[in-house]
Protein backbone atom coordinates (compact mmCIF):
# COMPACT_ATOMS: atom_id res chain seq x y z
CA MET A 1 -0.16 -0.01 -0.28
CA ASP A 2 1.19 3.58 -1.01
CA TRP A 3 0.49 5.49 2.33
CA GLN A 4 2.02 8.39 0.88
CA ASP A 5 -0.06 8.36 -2.00
CA LEU A 6 -3.47 7.53 0.54
CA ILE A 7 -2.55 10.45 3.21
CA PHE A 8 -1.27 13.22 0.52
CA LYS A 9 -4.64 12.15 -1.62
CA PHE A 10 -6.64 12.16 1.52
CA VAL A 11 -5.27 15.33 3.71
CA GLY A 12 -4.92 17.20 -0.04
CA GLY A 13 -8.80 16.53 -0.83
CA LEU A 14 -9.90 17.43 2.69
CA GLY A 15 -8.16 20.94 2.33
CA ILE A 16 -10.01 21.14 -1.76
CA PHE A 17 -13.61 20.34 0.23
CA LEU A 18 -12.82 22.88 3.44
CA PHE A 19 -11.67 25.76 0.78
CA GLY A 20 -14.60 24.40 -1.67
CA LEU A 21 -16.93 24.65 1.17
CA LYS A 22 -16.12 28.03 2.67
CA TYR A 23 -15.07 29.63 -0.34
CA MET A 24 -18.63 28.35 -1.69
CA SER A 25 -20.47 29.83 1.62
CA GLU A 26 -18.79 33.32 1.60
CA GLY A 27 -19.62 34.14 -2.00
CA LEU A 28 -23.37 33.18 -1.04
CA GLN A 29 -23.39 35.67 1.87
CA LYS A 30 -21.15 37.93 -0.53
CA THR A 31 -24.69 37.48 -2.81
CA ALA A 32 -26.59 37.90 -0.36
CA GLY A 33 -25.11 40.78 1.46
CA ASP A 34 -26.90 42.13 4.26
CA LYS A 35 -30.00 40.81 4.20
CA LEU A 36 -29.12 37.61 5.85
CA ARG A 37 -28.55 39.89 9.24
CA SER A 38 -31.31 41.56 8.49
CA LEU A 39 -33.44 38.67 8.08
CA LEU A 40 -31.98 36.86 11.47
CA ALA A 41 -32.08 40.34 13.47
CA LYS A 42 -35.70 40.76 12.36
CA TYR A 43 -37.75 38.06 11.44
CA THR A 44 -37.06 35.50 14.93
CA THR A 45 -39.72 37.48 16.56
CA ASN A 46 -40.85 33.69 18.75
CA PRO A 47 -38.92 30.22 18.70
CA LEU A 48 -40.73 28.38 15.64
CA LEU A 49 -39.93 31.75 13.33
CA GLY A 50 -36.34 31.15 14.27
CA VAL A 51 -36.20 27.88 13.68
CA LEU A 52 -37.50 28.83 9.87
CA VAL A 53 -35.25 31.53 9.25
CA GLY A 54 -32.06 29.41 10.99
CA VAL A 55 -32.98 26.91 7.81
CA VAL A 56 -33.76 29.40 5.64
CA VAL A 57 -30.60 30.92 5.95
CA THR A 58 -27.89 27.97 6.55
CA ILE A 59 -29.96 26.92 3.41
CA LEU A 60 -28.38 29.96 1.56
CA ILE A 61 -25.35 29.62 2.62
CA GLN A 62 -24.48 26.23 3.47
CA SER A 63 -22.75 26.73 6.63
CA SER A 64 -24.66 25.46 9.94
CA SER A 65 -21.80 27.30 11.41
CA GLY A 66 -21.95 30.25 9.52
CA THR A 67 -25.78 30.57 10.54
CA THR A 68 -24.82 29.62 14.44
CA VAL A 69 -21.99 32.37 14.63
CA LEU A 70 -23.95 35.22 12.76
CA ALA A 71 -26.69 34.55 15.60
CA VAL A 72 -23.94 34.73 18.46
CA GLY A 73 -22.94 37.87 16.74
CA LEU A 74 -26.46 39.16 17.03
CA VAL A 75 -27.02 38.34 20.48
CA ASN A 76 -23.86 39.30 21.07
CA ALA A 77 -24.56 43.35 19.89
CA GLY A 78 -28.19 42.89 21.48
CA LEU A 79 -30.06 42.49 17.96
CA MET A 80 -31.22 39.29 18.87
CA THR A 81 -32.42 37.72 22.36
CA LEU A 82 -31.36 34.24 23.79
CA ARG A 83 -34.46 32.46 22.89
CA GLN A 84 -34.40 33.69 19.46
CA SER A 85 -31.11 32.59 18.65
CA ILE A 86 -32.08 29.15 20.29
CA GLY A 87 -34.44 29.02 17.58
CA VAL A 88 -32.10 29.93 14.71
CA ILE A 89 -29.25 27.44 16.53
CA MET A 90 -32.04 24.65 15.79
CA GLY A 91 -33.19 26.21 12.39
CA ALA A 92 -29.42 25.94 11.52
CA ASN A 93 -28.99 22.31 12.38
CA ILE A 94 -31.80 21.49 10.04
CA GLY A 95 -29.99 23.71 7.21
CA THR A 96 -27.06 21.89 6.89
CA THR A 97 -28.67 18.37 6.22
CA MET A 98 -29.24 20.12 3.11
CA THR A 99 -25.26 19.55 1.90
CA ALA A 100 -25.22 16.00 2.77
CA PHE A 101 -28.21 15.40 0.50
CA ILE A 102 -26.43 17.34 -2.35
CA ILE A 103 -23.52 15.26 -1.49
CA ALA A 104 -25.41 12.08 -1.79
CA GLY A 105 -28.16 12.56 -4.51
CA VAL A 106 -26.31 14.92 -7.01
CA LYS A 107 -23.71 12.17 -8.72
CA ILE A 108 -20.79 15.58 -10.32
CA GLN A 109 -17.89 14.52 -8.83
CA ASN A 110 -16.59 13.79 -12.32
CA TYR A 111 -17.55 17.69 -13.30
CA ALA A 112 -15.93 19.25 -10.88
CA LEU A 113 -12.98 20.53 -13.18
CA PRO A 114 -15.64 22.13 -15.72
CA ILE A 115 -17.75 23.64 -13.04
CA ILE A 116 -14.43 25.26 -11.08
CA ALA A 117 -13.74 26.28 -14.67
CA VAL A 118 -16.87 28.15 -15.09
CA GLY A 119 -16.58 29.63 -11.87
CA VAL A 120 -12.76 30.96 -12.64
CA PHE A 121 -14.23 32.53 -15.77
CA LEU A 122 -16.74 34.13 -13.41
CA ILE A 123 -14.71 35.63 -11.10
CA PHE A 124 -11.39 36.45 -13.47
CA PHE A 125 -12.96 37.84 -16.88
CA LEU A 126 -16.23 39.74 -15.74
CA LYS A 127 -15.79 42.93 -14.07
CA LYS A 128 -19.68 43.30 -12.07
CA LYS A 129 -19.27 42.40 -8.65
CA LEU A 130 -22.39 40.20 -8.30
CA TYR A 131 -21.06 37.84 -11.37
CA ASN A 132 -17.97 37.55 -9.47
CA TYR A 133 -19.61 36.21 -6.24
CA ILE A 134 -21.77 34.26 -8.45
CA GLY A 135 -18.61 32.80 -9.77
CA GLN A 136 -17.37 32.20 -6.32
CA VAL A 137 -20.23 30.61 -5.58
CA ILE A 138 -19.85 27.82 -8.40
CA PHE A 139 -16.13 27.88 -7.89
CA GLY A 140 -16.46 26.79 -4.47
CA PHE A 141 -19.11 24.00 -5.19
CA GLY A 142 -16.54 22.68 -8.09
CA MET A 143 -13.89 22.61 -5.47
CA LEU A 144 -16.61 20.75 -2.79
CA PHE A 145 -16.61 17.92 -5.59
CA TYR A 146 -13.44 17.79 -6.17
CA GLY A 147 -12.18 17.17 -2.84
CA LEU A 148 -14.61 14.46 -2.29
CA LYS A 149 -13.62 12.58 -5.27
CA THR A 150 -9.61 13.60 -4.15
CA MET A 151 -10.30 11.69 -0.93
CA GLY A 152 -12.55 9.49 -2.02
CA SER A 153 -9.59 8.02 -4.60
CA GLY A 154 -7.56 8.31 -1.69
CA VAL A 155 -9.36 5.77 1.38
CA LYS A 156 -10.49 3.29 -0.99
CA PRO A 157 -7.08 0.92 -0.38
CA LEU A 158 -7.93 0.99 3.18
CA LYS A 159 -10.89 -1.52 2.83
CA ASP A 160 -7.71 -4.62 2.17
CA LEU A 161 -6.04 -3.19 5.10
CA GLU A 162 -6.42 -5.15 8.32
CA VAL A 163 -5.98 -2.71 11.05
CA PHE A 164 -8.96 -0.40 9.50
CA LYS A 165 -10.96 -3.22 9.83
CA ASP A 166 -10.01 -3.69 13.15
CA PHE A 167 -11.13 -0.11 13.91
CA ILE A 168 -14.27 -0.46 12.06
CA ILE A 169 -15.14 -3.23 14.04
CA ASN A 170 -15.04 -1.19 17.31
CA LEU A 171 -17.19 0.99 15.93
CA ASP A 172 -19.96 -1.11 16.66
CA ASN A 173 -19.58 0.70 20.04
CA PRO A 174 -21.97 3.96 19.86
CA ILE A 175 -20.21 5.35 22.46
CA LEU A 176 -17.19 5.16 20.45
CA GLY A 177 -18.65 6.33 17.03
CA VAL A 178 -19.52 9.41 18.66
CA ILE A 179 -16.40 10.45 20.32
CA VAL A 180 -14.88 9.91 16.96
CA GLY A 181 -17.14 11.75 15.49
CA THR A 182 -16.96 14.50 17.74
CA ILE A 183 -13.49 15.03 17.62
CA PHE A 184 -12.76 15.35 14.11
CA THR A 185 -15.28 17.73 14.19
CA VAL A 186 -13.74 19.76 16.63
CA ILE A 187 -10.73 19.58 14.43
CA VAL A 188 -11.97 19.87 11.19
CA GLN A 189 -14.78 22.58 12.51
CA SER A 190 -17.39 21.65 10.20
CA SER A 191 -19.91 19.03 9.98
CA SER A 192 -20.67 19.27 6.69
CA ALA A 193 -17.06 18.04 6.08
CA THR A 194 -16.71 15.63 8.16
CA ILE A 195 -20.22 14.05 7.17
CA GLY A 196 -19.09 14.65 3.89
CA ILE A 197 -16.03 12.07 4.52
CA LEU A 198 -18.63 9.55 6.45
CA GLN A 199 -20.71 9.31 2.79
CA THR A 200 -17.55 9.17 0.95
CA ILE A 201 -15.85 5.79 2.99
CA ALA A 202 -19.65 4.95 3.31
CA SER A 203 -20.22 4.75 -0.72
CA GLU A 204 -16.26 2.82 -0.81
CA ASP A 205 -17.91 0.19 1.52
CA LEU A 206 -15.50 0.67 4.49
CA ILE A 207 -18.23 1.92 6.77
CA ASN A 208 -22.08 0.21 7.11
CA ILE A 209 -25.18 2.67 8.35
CA ARG A 210 -25.07 1.15 11.66
CA GLN A 211 -21.81 2.48 12.38
CA ALA A 212 -22.13 5.47 10.37
CA LEU A 213 -24.90 6.95 12.51
CA PRO A 214 -23.27 7.11 16.11
CA VAL A 215 -20.38 8.96 14.40
CA LEU A 216 -22.69 11.37 12.88
CA PHE A 217 -24.55 12.39 15.53
CA GLY A 218 -20.88 13.27 17.41
CA ASP A 219 -20.69 14.98 13.74
CA ASN A 220 -23.59 17.16 15.48
CA ILE A 221 -21.77 17.88 18.82
CA GLY A 222 -18.18 18.93 17.35
CA THR A 223 -19.80 21.36 15.70
CA THR A 224 -20.79 23.49 18.60
CA ILE A 225 -17.18 24.17 18.52
CA THR A 226 -17.36 27.36 16.28
CA ALA A 227 -20.15 28.64 18.51
CA ILE A 228 -18.29 28.20 21.21
CA ILE A 229 -14.75 29.83 19.54
CA ALA A 230 -17.15 32.46 18.46
CA SER A 231 -18.77 33.74 21.88
CA ILE A 232 -15.15 33.70 23.28
CA GLY A 233 -14.81 37.32 24.52
CA ALA A 234 -18.37 38.27 24.06
CA SER A 235 -21.01 38.67 26.03
CA VAL A 236 -22.95 36.57 28.62
CA ALA A 237 -26.29 36.81 26.68
CA ALA A 238 -23.55 35.62 23.22
CA ARG A 239 -21.82 33.06 25.89
CA ARG A 240 -25.20 31.36 26.89
CA ALA A 241 -26.22 31.24 23.05
CA ALA A 242 -23.22 29.15 22.18
CA ALA A 243 -23.62 27.12 25.61
CA ALA A 244 -27.38 26.80 24.35
CA HIS A 245 -25.92 24.97 21.04
CA VAL A 246 -23.73 22.64 22.51
CA ILE A 247 -26.71 21.55 25.25
CA PHE A 248 -28.94 21.00 22.07
CA ASN A 249 -26.75 18.82 20.38
CA ILE A 250 -25.59 16.73 23.36
CA ILE A 251 -29.22 15.98 24.47
CA GLY A 252 -30.06 14.89 20.94
CA ALA A 253 -27.22 12.68 20.36
CA THR A 254 -27.52 11.39 24.09
CA LEU A 255 -31.56 10.36 23.02
CA PHE A 256 -30.71 8.62 19.88
CA ILE A 257 -28.00 6.75 21.10
CA ILE A 258 -30.59 5.68 23.78
CA PHE A 259 -32.82 4.95 20.69
CA LEU A 260 -30.46 3.89 17.87
CA TYR A 261 -31.90 0.48 17.30
CA PRO A 262 -35.31 1.31 16.38
CA VAL A 263 -33.76 4.67 14.52
CA THR A 264 -31.12 2.44 12.45
CA GLN A 265 -33.84 0.16 11.52
CA LEU A 266 -35.87 2.86 10.31
CA ILE A 267 -33.60 4.56 8.22
CA ILE A 268 -32.55 1.25 6.89
CA TRP A 269 -36.56 0.62 5.61
CA LEU A 270 -36.58 3.70 4.39
CA GLY A 271 -33.33 3.08 2.47
CA ASP A 272 -34.87 0.34 1.19
CA PHE A 273 -37.80 1.44 0.33
CA THR A 274 -36.32 4.49 -1.18
CA GLY A 275 -33.29 2.13 -2.85
CA ALA A 276 -31.02 4.66 -1.93
CA SER A 277 -27.56 4.27 -1.49
CA VAL A 278 -25.35 4.32 2.09
CA SER A 279 -24.61 7.44 1.22
CA MET A 280 -27.85 8.88 0.82
CA GLN A 281 -28.98 6.45 4.07
CA ILE A 282 -26.58 9.03 6.03
CA ALA A 283 -28.10 11.81 4.49
CA TYR A 284 -31.55 10.70 5.58
CA GLY A 285 -30.18 9.58 9.52
CA HIS A 286 -28.39 13.63 9.65
CA GLY A 287 -32.72 14.98 7.84
CA PHE A 288 -33.83 13.22 10.72
CA PHE A 289 -31.74 13.28 13.30
CA ASN A 290 -31.63 17.51 13.39
CA ILE A 291 -35.58 17.32 12.44
CA THR A 292 -36.80 15.65 15.19
CA ASN A 293 -34.48 16.66 18.25
CA THR A 294 -35.94 20.42 17.01
CA LEU A 295 -39.31 19.09 17.30
CA ILE A 296 -38.35 17.60 20.45
CA GLN A 297 -37.00 20.52 22.10
CA LEU A 298 -38.36 22.87 20.51
CA PRO A 299 -41.10 23.04 23.45
CA PHE A 300 -38.75 23.66 25.62
CA VAL A 301 -36.94 26.73 24.73
CA GLY A 302 -37.85 28.25 27.57
CA LEU A 303 -36.38 25.68 29.90
CA LEU A 304 -33.36 25.39 27.87
CA ALA A 305 -32.86 29.16 27.80
CA TYR A 306 -33.29 29.19 31.94
CA LEU A 307 -30.94 26.43 31.98
CA VAL A 308 -27.87 27.91 30.00
CA THR A 309 -28.89 31.12 32.54
CA LYS A 310 -27.63 29.07 35.84
CA LEU A 311 -24.41 27.35 33.88
CA VAL A 312 -23.08 30.29 32.41
CA PRO A 313 -23.53 33.09 35.20
CA GLY A 314 -23.17 36.98 34.71
CA GLU A 315 -25.18 40.25 34.78
CA MET A 316 -26.36 40.93 31.31
CA LYS A 317 -27.37 44.51 30.15
CA GLU A 318 -30.19 44.31 27.34
CA LEU A 319 -31.02 47.05 25.36
CA GLU A 320 -34.57 47.68 24.32
CA PHE A 321 -33.69 47.33 20.00
CA GLU A 322 -37.19 49.28 19.29
CA ALA A 323 -38.56 52.61 19.97
CA LYS A 324 -40.42 52.69 23.29
CA TYR A 325 -42.59 56.29 22.77
CA LEU A 326 -43.43 56.29 18.98
CA ASP A 327 -47.10 55.43 18.79
CA GLU A 328 -48.68 55.80 15.02
CA ARG A 329 -51.75 56.48 16.70
CA LEU A 330 -51.07 59.44 18.23
CA LEU A 331 -49.79 61.08 14.59
CA SER A 332 -52.89 62.73 14.13
CA ASN A 333 -52.33 64.59 16.83
CA PRO A 334 -48.96 66.75 16.54
CA SER A 335 -48.47 68.23 19.66
CA VAL A 336 -48.83 64.68 21.65
CA GLY A 337 -46.99 62.82 19.48
CA LEU A 338 -44.33 65.42 19.14
CA GLY A 339 -44.15 65.03 22.92
CA GLN A 340 -43.96 61.64 22.18
CA ALA A 341 -40.97 62.07 19.55
CA GLN A 342 -39.31 64.10 22.11
CA HIS A 343 -39.15 61.20 24.60
CA GLU A 344 -37.52 58.86 22.13
CA ILE A 345 -35.13 61.75 21.11
CA ILE A 346 -34.32 62.55 25.08
CA ARG A 347 -33.55 58.73 25.52
CA MET A 348 -31.09 58.43 22.25
CA GLY A 349 -29.25 61.65 24.10
CA GLU A 350 -28.66 59.68 27.52
CA LEU A 351 -27.61 55.96 25.35
CA ALA A 352 -25.01 58.29 23.39
CA ARG A 353 -23.79 59.48 26.77
CA GLU A 354 -23.61 55.98 27.81
CA SER A 355 -21.36 55.35 24.67
CA LEU A 356 -19.15 57.92 25.63
CA GLN A 357 -18.51 56.50 29.26
CA GLU A 358 -18.47 52.74 28.04
CA ALA A 359 -15.89 53.78 25.29
CA SER A 360 -13.68 55.78 27.84
CA ASN A 361 -13.73 52.64 30.07
CA TYR A 362 -12.51 50.50 27.35
CA PHE A 363 -10.02 52.84 26.43
CA PHE A 364 -8.26 53.02 30.25
CA ASN A 365 -9.60 49.34 31.48
CA LYS A 366 -9.49 47.59 28.30
CA ASN A 367 -12.39 46.17 29.28
CA ASP A 368 -14.18 43.69 26.27
CA LYS A 369 -17.82 44.21 27.77
CA SER A 370 -17.87 48.08 27.45
CA ARG A 371 -16.59 47.56 23.67
CA ASN A 372 -19.65 45.39 23.17
CA MET A 373 -21.86 47.78 24.64
CA VAL A 374 -20.53 50.72 22.57
CA GLU A 375 -21.19 48.38 19.50
CA GLN A 376 -24.83 47.74 20.77
CA THR A 377 -25.57 51.04 21.62
CA GLU A 378 -24.35 52.81 18.60
CA GLU A 379 -26.69 49.90 16.43
CA LEU A 380 -29.68 51.40 18.65
CA ILE A 381 -28.99 54.98 18.17
CA ASN A 382 -28.75 54.67 14.73
CA GLU A 383 -31.96 52.33 14.35
CA LEU A 384 -33.65 55.06 16.96
CA ASP A 385 -32.49 58.05 14.73
CA LYS A 386 -34.28 56.97 11.22
CA LYS A 387 -36.98 55.11 13.34
CA THR A 388 -37.93 59.14 15.05
CA THR A 389 -37.09 60.86 11.62
CA GLU A 390 -39.58 59.37 9.94
CA TYR A 391 -41.82 59.93 12.51
CA LEU A 392 -41.31 63.46 12.97
CA VAL A 393 -41.84 63.31 8.86
CA LYS A 394 -45.23 61.80 9.38
CA ILE A 395 -45.98 64.62 12.06
CA GLN A 396 -44.89 67.16 9.34
CA GLN A 397 -47.70 65.99 6.90
CA ASN A 398 -49.98 67.60 9.44
CA GLU A 399 -51.02 71.17 9.63
CA LEU A 400 -48.41 72.14 12.36
CA SER A 401 -48.73 75.27 14.18
CA GLU A 402 -45.96 77.98 14.32
CA LYS A 403 -45.21 76.59 17.76
CA GLU A 404 -45.46 73.33 17.08
CA SER A 405 -43.34 73.89 13.36
CA GLY A 406 -40.89 75.11 15.44
CA LYS A 407 -40.45 72.19 17.75
CA ALA A 408 -40.35 69.80 15.07
CA SER A 409 -37.71 71.65 13.67
CA VAL A 410 -35.30 71.69 17.04
CA LEU A 411 -36.27 68.01 17.60
CA MET A 412 -35.36 66.96 13.75
CA GLN A 413 -31.83 68.53 13.97
CA SER A 414 -31.28 67.33 17.42
CA ILE A 415 -31.75 64.13 15.95
CA ASN A 416 -28.80 64.47 13.94
CA ASP A 417 -26.68 65.62 16.34
CA ILE A 418 -27.21 62.92 18.90
CA GLU A 419 -26.62 60.65 16.43
CA ARG A 420 -23.01 62.11 15.28
CA ILE A 421 -22.28 62.40 19.01
CA GLY A 422 -22.68 58.64 18.86
CA ASP A 423 -20.36 58.00 16.20
CA HIS A 424 -17.72 59.83 17.90
CA SER A 425 -17.86 57.24 20.87
CA GLU A 426 -17.63 54.79 18.40
CA ASN A 427 -14.46 56.60 17.12
CA ILE A 428 -12.89 56.80 20.49
CA MET A 429 -13.71 52.71 20.65
CA GLU A 430 -12.25 52.19 17.66
CA LEU A 431 -8.88 54.02 19.07
CA ALA A 432 -8.73 52.28 21.84
CA ASP A 433 -8.45 49.19 19.74
CA LEU A 434 -5.64 50.80 18.06
CA SER A 435 -4.18 51.73 21.00
CA ILE A 436 -4.61 47.76 22.15
CA LEU A 437 -3.27 46.63 18.79
CA LYS A 438 0.23 48.91 18.83
CA LYS A 439 0.45 48.16 22.66
CA ALA A 440 0.75 52.04 23.04
CA GLU A 441 1.60 53.42 26.46
CA PHE A 442 -0.07 56.85 27.67
CA SER A 443 2.30 58.67 30.79
CA ASP A 444 0.18 59.63 33.77
CA GLU A 445 -0.28 63.28 32.82
CA ALA A 446 -1.82 61.98 29.02
CA CYS A 447 -4.20 59.98 30.86
CA SER A 448 -5.08 62.69 33.50
CA GLU A 449 -6.07 65.01 30.86
CA LEU A 450 -7.94 62.83 28.85
CA LYS A 451 -10.07 61.94 31.93
CA LYS A 452 -10.38 65.52 32.56
CA MET A 453 -11.73 66.39 28.67
CA ILE A 454 -13.88 63.06 29.16
CA GLU A 455 -15.11 63.76 32.57
CA LEU A 456 -16.35 67.53 30.99
CA THR A 457 -17.66 66.80 27.46
CA ASP A 458 -19.85 63.81 29.58
CA LYS A 459 -21.37 66.77 31.66
CA THR A 460 -21.80 69.36 28.67
CA ILE A 461 -23.51 66.14 26.66
CA GLN A 462 -26.04 65.59 29.99
CA GLN A 463 -26.62 69.37 30.18
CA SER A 464 -27.71 69.92 26.63
CA ILE A 465 -29.63 67.15 26.66
CA GLU A 466 -31.90 68.15 29.50
CA SER A 467 -32.05 71.87 27.85
CA LEU A 468 -33.55 70.24 25.27
CA GLU A 469 -36.07 67.79 27.49
CA ASN A 470 -36.86 70.94 29.74
CA ASP A 471 -36.57 73.85 27.36
CA ASP A 472 -34.39 75.09 29.64
CA LYS A 473 -32.33 78.35 28.16
CA LYS A 474 -30.23 78.79 31.34
CA LEU A 475 -29.45 75.31 30.99
CA ALA A 476 -28.21 75.92 27.70
CA GLU A 477 -26.39 78.64 28.04
CA GLN A 478 -24.08 76.71 30.48
CA VAL A 479 -23.41 74.02 27.36
CA LEU A 480 -22.49 76.82 25.20
CA GLU A 481 -20.01 77.86 28.12
CA ASN A 482 -18.85 74.33 28.29
CA GLU A 483 -18.22 73.63 25.25
CA ALA A 484 -15.76 77.53 24.78
CA GLU A 485 -14.06 75.25 28.04
CA LEU A 486 -13.45 72.31 26.01
CA ASP A 487 -11.92 73.88 22.78
CA ASN A 488 -9.28 75.88 25.32
CA MET A 489 -8.63 72.31 26.76
CA GLU A 490 -8.15 70.60 23.11
CA LYS A 491 -5.97 73.34 22.32
CA GLN A 492 -4.38 73.62 25.83
CA PHE A 493 -3.66 69.33 26.07
CA ARG A 494 -2.92 69.34 22.15
CA LYS A 495 0.19 71.81 22.92
CA ALA A 496 1.04 69.97 26.09
CA HIS A 497 1.29 66.39 24.50
CA ILE A 498 3.31 67.25 21.45
CA LYS A 499 5.66 69.18 23.67
CA ARG A 500 5.78 65.54 25.36
CA LEU A 501 6.23 63.99 21.94
CA ASN A 502 9.56 66.09 21.21
CA GLN A 503 10.70 65.14 24.35
CA ASN A 504 10.27 61.47 23.39
CA LEU A 505 8.10 61.01 26.43
CA CYS A 506 5.43 58.89 24.76
CA SER A 507 5.45 57.23 21.31
CA GLY A 508 4.06 58.33 17.85
CA THR A 509 1.08 55.78 17.87
CA SER A 510 0.14 56.89 21.20
CA GLY A 511 0.39 60.68 20.34
CA ALA A 512 -2.11 60.05 17.53
CA VAL A 513 -4.34 58.12 19.22
CA PHE A 514 -4.37 60.53 22.15
CA LEU A 515 -5.09 63.72 19.76
CA ASP A 516 -7.63 61.82 17.79
CA ILE A 517 -9.43 61.31 21.08
CA LEU A 518 -9.17 65.00 21.98
CA SER A 519 -10.65 65.82 18.58
CA ASN A 520 -13.33 63.56 18.93
CA LEU A 521 -14.30 65.20 22.20
CA GLU A 522 -14.51 68.37 21.12
CA ARG A 523 -16.68 67.32 18.21
CA MET A 524 -18.59 65.81 21.00
CA GLY A 525 -19.20 69.51 22.47
CA ASP A 526 -19.88 70.77 18.96
CA HIS A 527 -22.85 68.95 18.68
CA SER A 528 -23.49 69.76 22.65
CA LYS A 529 -23.34 73.38 21.76
CA ASN A 530 -26.00 72.89 18.60
CA ILE A 531 -28.50 71.14 20.56
CA ALA A 532 -28.19 74.21 23.35
CA GLN A 533 -28.31 76.74 20.14
CA TYR A 534 -31.72 74.87 19.29
CA VAL A 535 -32.82 75.22 22.84
CA ILE A 536 -32.15 79.17 22.89
CA PHE A 537 -32.85 80.68 19.51
CA GLY A 538 -35.31 77.64 18.36
CA GLU A 539 -33.64 76.61 15.36
């Protein structure tokens, strides 16, 4: 037996398969754009709907890991609740079975190379981005099957090897099969890949369906490693979503091992009834496992959420990702509607102020939770900006009195300034990222200056929002004084820091970060001043 040829073909084929799967998945995601993220965030209001959305998204991108990681990311950003994410994860498990059916049912390995050629043509010879993305999908699809063909030709000689035969005999132990499937998928980080390999081995008569099913169940446990990795350093809610994925698949695998004999007989009967190959029977088993597991556990989503909450302790600060005060029924009464819009804008202002506080905490203390909160808050501010602006536009379609018209104008302009304050907080967060990446260090004097300016900026934002809420012109005058002081601080601290740079007391990177933070804080003061001037002058 030529061991070098066997190993090279198997490892190389696996690499080609994984590359094809990843490349195809990325192409599908690029083709769909941000619509997939929007689909997950908006249409998962209950667990059942979450399951359906999870199925659809996973079929579209051909990666349950991709859908699960996306769900964990949305939970981390606060755009999806834990209960919603559990439904999506269940749906992702069902959607990924499509890959197994494609591998078993579409015998196109012999046409893999022409398919790759078509993909290359679209990628390299057409300029339109959409065609490039479609080419990426086609190229990845061809690579996927070419990898399977290469692996298949590599493992063929194993059927005559006594050591391999002994190992396969040991796989008659279901527990060992689950362990093998779990470990292999943890290494490869793709259940689609390991199940594809399982189907390839089975098609070469190296393993039967009774031995393959426990390995398949283990594959479903192993695939949770991707969600676990994605949740590292993320919010408590994201870690709970990953834990729910692990528990969901472990419970499913345990139940199916307990009822392994009747499940195996059912799959064999179904295979005989449809005249399916062993490879297709594995696809049947994969589909039956994930659909049945979801149907069994879907009624207990609340219990699963409670369980992971206990297993992953920690406080979870959740933001309400929707407008709280904008009631469409009040549009016909402009005066009341304007009051509701003002409540929402004040809420935006408070969120912008919190965002600055969290960004500052991240800069000084390197607290990842604060970084997540800045991202989460910025998403919400942008959403409220859009919703409140649309609400005010609808109010202005009514006949407004001069006073109401003036108030609507003030509120409309204030929205933009508050949104920009949130953007500057995000800028500070990104500057903190840069300082961490470049290992920039700041002197005690520099930190003291930053803290002093941040404190005054925070106070200025607070006063501008309060003056808007209470139409307090005296407080608005104080905002103007604070803004002038912030301008002086920015000039004074800039000169002091340039002096430190010239004396080599700090690095170029830390100097650039320091000066950029000063600039962002000064701009926050400008936007606060704008809000104060709206209050004073009414425009």
